[in-house]
Every structure is written in structure tokens, then in C-alpha cells.
Amino acid sequence: MHGIKRKLTAVLIGAILALCATVCDAQIVVIVSAKSRLTSLTVSDVADIYLGRMSQLPDGVDVVPIDYNDDNAQRAEFYKLVAGKSLAQLRAYWPKLIFTGRGVPPRTAADARAVKKIVAASPNAIGYIDRSELDSSVKAVLTLH
């Protein structure tokens, strides 16, 4: 009986470690259309764009942020890394700006595939996806760790 428990424990620990390695290796990339002239952004730029503090890039080009319409782990990690905000803080942030007329939240999409499709089709759009989702239709302008 102890041998079975040990084997089961070892399998469980191995599965947890494998899952952690997968999650820990995930990288979020901020993307723009492959047709965009933009080549890089800073974390500060991205925070300002996604928090409604910047609607134009330094070169004067309008920028349209695309976000996810649900609270998922990638969205939570993105806002933690970029803005230092939790999803709860983000949910409290936007009503204040909307009420005072000082901001509009980012346009939303259902999932990474939809974000990538919107961004690929618009040179002014910016989004974020997992690095593994990158393809030739978009390019990374910032990698978040």
C-alpha cells in the first residue's frame, strides 16, 4: 500500500512540476500588425495606452488597444506586469474615467485568435497574446516577463 502511495505522490508531483514549467515559460507579447511601422514600445507606453492615458503614439499615429472581454489568467498577468494593477483594481478604474468623461476602456475580443485577427487587420491596433500564438500576420513590439 505504501508503494502505491509513493508512486501516486511521485506522479502527482511530476504533473505539478510539468504544469508549472509550462506556465512559467509562457511569455506575453504586445503585438501590432505586421504592416505597422512601429518596431518597439516601452512598458510605460503600453500601460498608458491600456489605461487610457495615451491615444496616440509618440509619432502622432492613433492607437487602438484591444483587450480580452473576460477575466483570464493572461489578462491578469498582463495588467500586473504592465500597470501593477489587479483585475479588481482595473474593474474599479474604468467607471471613474467613464463617469468623468476622461477615458474609454479598450475594445474587447473573445480570445487570442480574435485579438490577433483584429490587430493584423488594423495598422493602428495593439494587442497582447502568448508568444506561442505569434505568426506572420503580427509582430511583437514588447515581450513581458
Protein backbone atom coordinates (compact mmCIF):
# COMPACT_ATOMS: atom_id res chain seq x y z
CA MET A 1 0.00 0.00 0.00
CA HIS A 2 2.85 2.41 0.84
CA GLY A 3 4.46 1.68 -2.52
CA ILE A 4 1.30 2.72 -4.36
CA LYS A 5 1.05 5.93 -2.31
CA ARG A 6 4.67 6.77 -3.08
CA LYS A 7 4.21 6.17 -6.80
CA LEU A 8 1.00 8.19 -6.82
CA THR A 9 2.70 11.03 -4.93
CA ALA A 10 5.65 10.98 -7.35
CA VAL A 11 3.31 11.10 -10.36
CA LEU A 12 1.33 13.96 -8.82
CA ILE A 13 4.48 15.95 -8.03
CA GLY A 14 5.76 15.36 -11.57
CA ALA A 15 2.49 16.57 -13.07
CA ILE A 16 2.53 19.70 -10.92
CA LEU A 17 6.14 20.46 -11.88
CA ALA A 18 5.37 19.95 -15.58
CA LEU A 19 2.39 22.30 -15.34
CA CYS A 20 4.47 24.90 -13.52
CA ALA A 21 7.19 24.69 -16.15
CA THR A 22 4.61 25.30 -18.89
CA VAL A 23 3.02 28.24 -17.09
CA CYS A 24 6.36 29.72 -16.03
CA ASP A 25 7.68 29.56 -19.61
CA ALA A 26 4.67 31.43 -21.00
CA GLN A 27 5.54 34.90 -22.23
CA ILE A 28 3.10 37.64 -23.10
CA VAL A 29 3.98 39.69 -26.15
CA VAL A 30 2.47 43.02 -27.10
CA ILE A 31 1.64 42.91 -30.80
CA VAL A 32 0.88 45.18 -33.72
CA SER A 33 0.05 44.42 -37.34
CA ALA A 34 2.92 43.11 -39.43
CA LYS A 35 2.18 46.12 -41.68
CA SER A 36 2.72 48.62 -38.87
CA ARG A 37 5.81 50.86 -38.90
CA LEU A 38 6.04 50.53 -35.13
CA THR A 39 9.00 48.42 -34.02
CA SER A 40 9.02 48.74 -30.23
CA LEU A 41 7.17 50.12 -27.21
CA THR A 42 8.12 50.54 -23.57
CA VAL A 43 6.18 49.07 -20.67
CA SER A 44 5.25 52.63 -19.72
CA ASP A 45 3.85 53.30 -23.22
CA VAL A 46 1.76 50.13 -23.09
CA ALA A 47 0.44 50.97 -19.62
CA ASP A 48 -0.54 54.45 -20.79
CA ILE A 49 -2.28 53.04 -23.86
CA TYR A 50 -4.22 50.37 -21.96
CA LEU A 51 -5.17 52.71 -19.11
CA GLY A 52 -6.50 55.35 -21.50
CA ARG A 53 -3.78 57.90 -20.77
CA MET A 54 -2.38 57.79 -24.32
CA SER A 55 -4.40 57.56 -27.53
CA GLN A 56 -1.57 58.42 -29.90
CA LEU A 57 1.92 57.07 -30.27
CA PRO A 58 4.87 59.47 -29.97
CA ASP A 59 4.90 59.83 -33.79
CA GLY A 60 1.28 61.08 -33.73
CA VAL A 61 -0.35 57.89 -35.01
CA ASP A 62 -3.64 56.98 -33.29
CA VAL A 63 -3.54 53.71 -31.38
CA VAL A 64 -6.46 51.38 -30.62
CA PRO A 65 -5.88 48.90 -27.77
CA ILE A 66 -7.57 45.51 -27.97
CA ASP A 67 -8.21 43.67 -24.70
CA TYR A 68 -9.91 40.42 -23.69
CA ASN A 69 -13.55 40.55 -22.65
CA ASP A 70 -13.18 38.10 -19.82
CA ASP A 71 -11.02 37.85 -16.75
CA ASN A 72 -8.47 35.17 -17.58
CA ALA A 73 -5.01 34.40 -16.23
CA GLN A 74 -3.24 36.03 -19.17
CA ARG A 75 -5.21 39.27 -18.75
CA ALA A 76 -4.46 39.29 -15.02
CA GLU A 77 -0.74 38.76 -15.65
CA PHE A 78 -0.66 41.43 -18.37
CA TYR A 79 -2.14 44.14 -16.15
CA LYS A 80 0.03 43.10 -13.21
CA LEU A 81 3.20 43.35 -15.32
CA VAL A 82 2.28 46.48 -17.28
CA ALA A 83 0.28 48.59 -14.84
CA GLY A 84 0.79 46.98 -11.45
CA LYS A 85 -2.99 46.50 -11.19
CA SER A 86 -5.11 43.50 -10.31
CA LEU A 87 -8.26 42.77 -12.29
CA ALA A 88 -10.32 44.01 -9.34
CA GLN A 89 -8.43 47.31 -9.41
CA LEU A 90 -8.93 47.51 -13.16
CA ARG A 91 -12.69 46.96 -12.81
CA ALA A 92 -12.78 49.87 -10.33
CA TYR A 93 -10.55 52.08 -12.52
CA TRP A 94 -12.67 52.39 -15.65
CA PRO A 95 -16.04 53.50 -14.20
CA LYS A 96 -14.35 56.57 -12.68
CA LEU A 97 -12.83 57.60 -16.02
CA ILE A 98 -16.00 56.89 -17.97
CA PHE A 99 -18.15 58.85 -15.49
CA THR A 100 -15.88 61.89 -15.65
CA GLY A 101 -15.54 61.67 -19.44
CA ARG A 102 -11.78 61.22 -19.24
CA GLY A 103 -11.46 57.83 -20.86
CA VAL A 104 -12.91 54.88 -22.70
CA PRO A 105 -11.82 51.30 -21.98
CA PRO A 106 -10.09 49.29 -24.70
CA ARG A 107 -12.14 47.49 -27.33
CA THR A 108 -12.51 43.83 -26.40
CA ALA A 109 -12.25 40.49 -28.16
CA ALA A 110 -13.21 36.96 -27.13
CA ASP A 111 -9.82 35.25 -27.25
CA ALA A 112 -6.25 35.40 -28.53
CA ARG A 113 -7.28 34.35 -32.03
CA ALA A 114 -9.77 37.24 -32.21
CA VAL A 115 -7.24 39.72 -30.78
CA LYS A 116 -4.67 38.65 -33.35
CA LYS A 117 -7.19 38.87 -36.21
CA ILE A 118 -8.23 42.43 -35.25
CA VAL A 119 -4.64 43.58 -34.76
CA ALA A 120 -3.44 42.00 -38.01
CA ALA A 121 -6.18 43.82 -39.95
CA SER A 122 -5.52 47.28 -38.48
CA PRO A 123 -2.17 49.10 -38.53
CA ASN A 124 -3.39 51.23 -35.58
CA ALA A 125 -4.41 48.35 -33.31
CA ILE A 126 -2.33 46.93 -30.48
CA GLY A 127 -2.98 43.76 -28.52
CA TYR A 128 -1.32 41.13 -26.41
CA ILE A 129 -1.12 37.37 -26.78
CA ASP A 130 1.01 34.46 -25.63
CA ARG A 131 4.29 34.29 -27.52
CA SER A 132 3.30 30.84 -28.85
CA GLU A 133 0.42 32.48 -30.78
CA LEU A 134 2.73 34.71 -32.88
CA ASP A 135 2.61 34.28 -36.64
CA SER A 136 3.48 36.33 -39.72
CA SER A 137 0.28 38.44 -39.53
CA VAL A 138 1.51 40.31 -36.44
CA LYS A 139 4.79 41.31 -34.86
CA ALA A 140 5.90 41.66 -31.26
CA VAL A 141 6.87 45.15 -30.10
CA LEU A 142 7.37 44.25 -26.43
CA THR A 143 7.91 41.00 -24.53
CA LEU A 144 6.73 40.85 -20.92
CA HIS A 145 8.33 38.51 -18.40
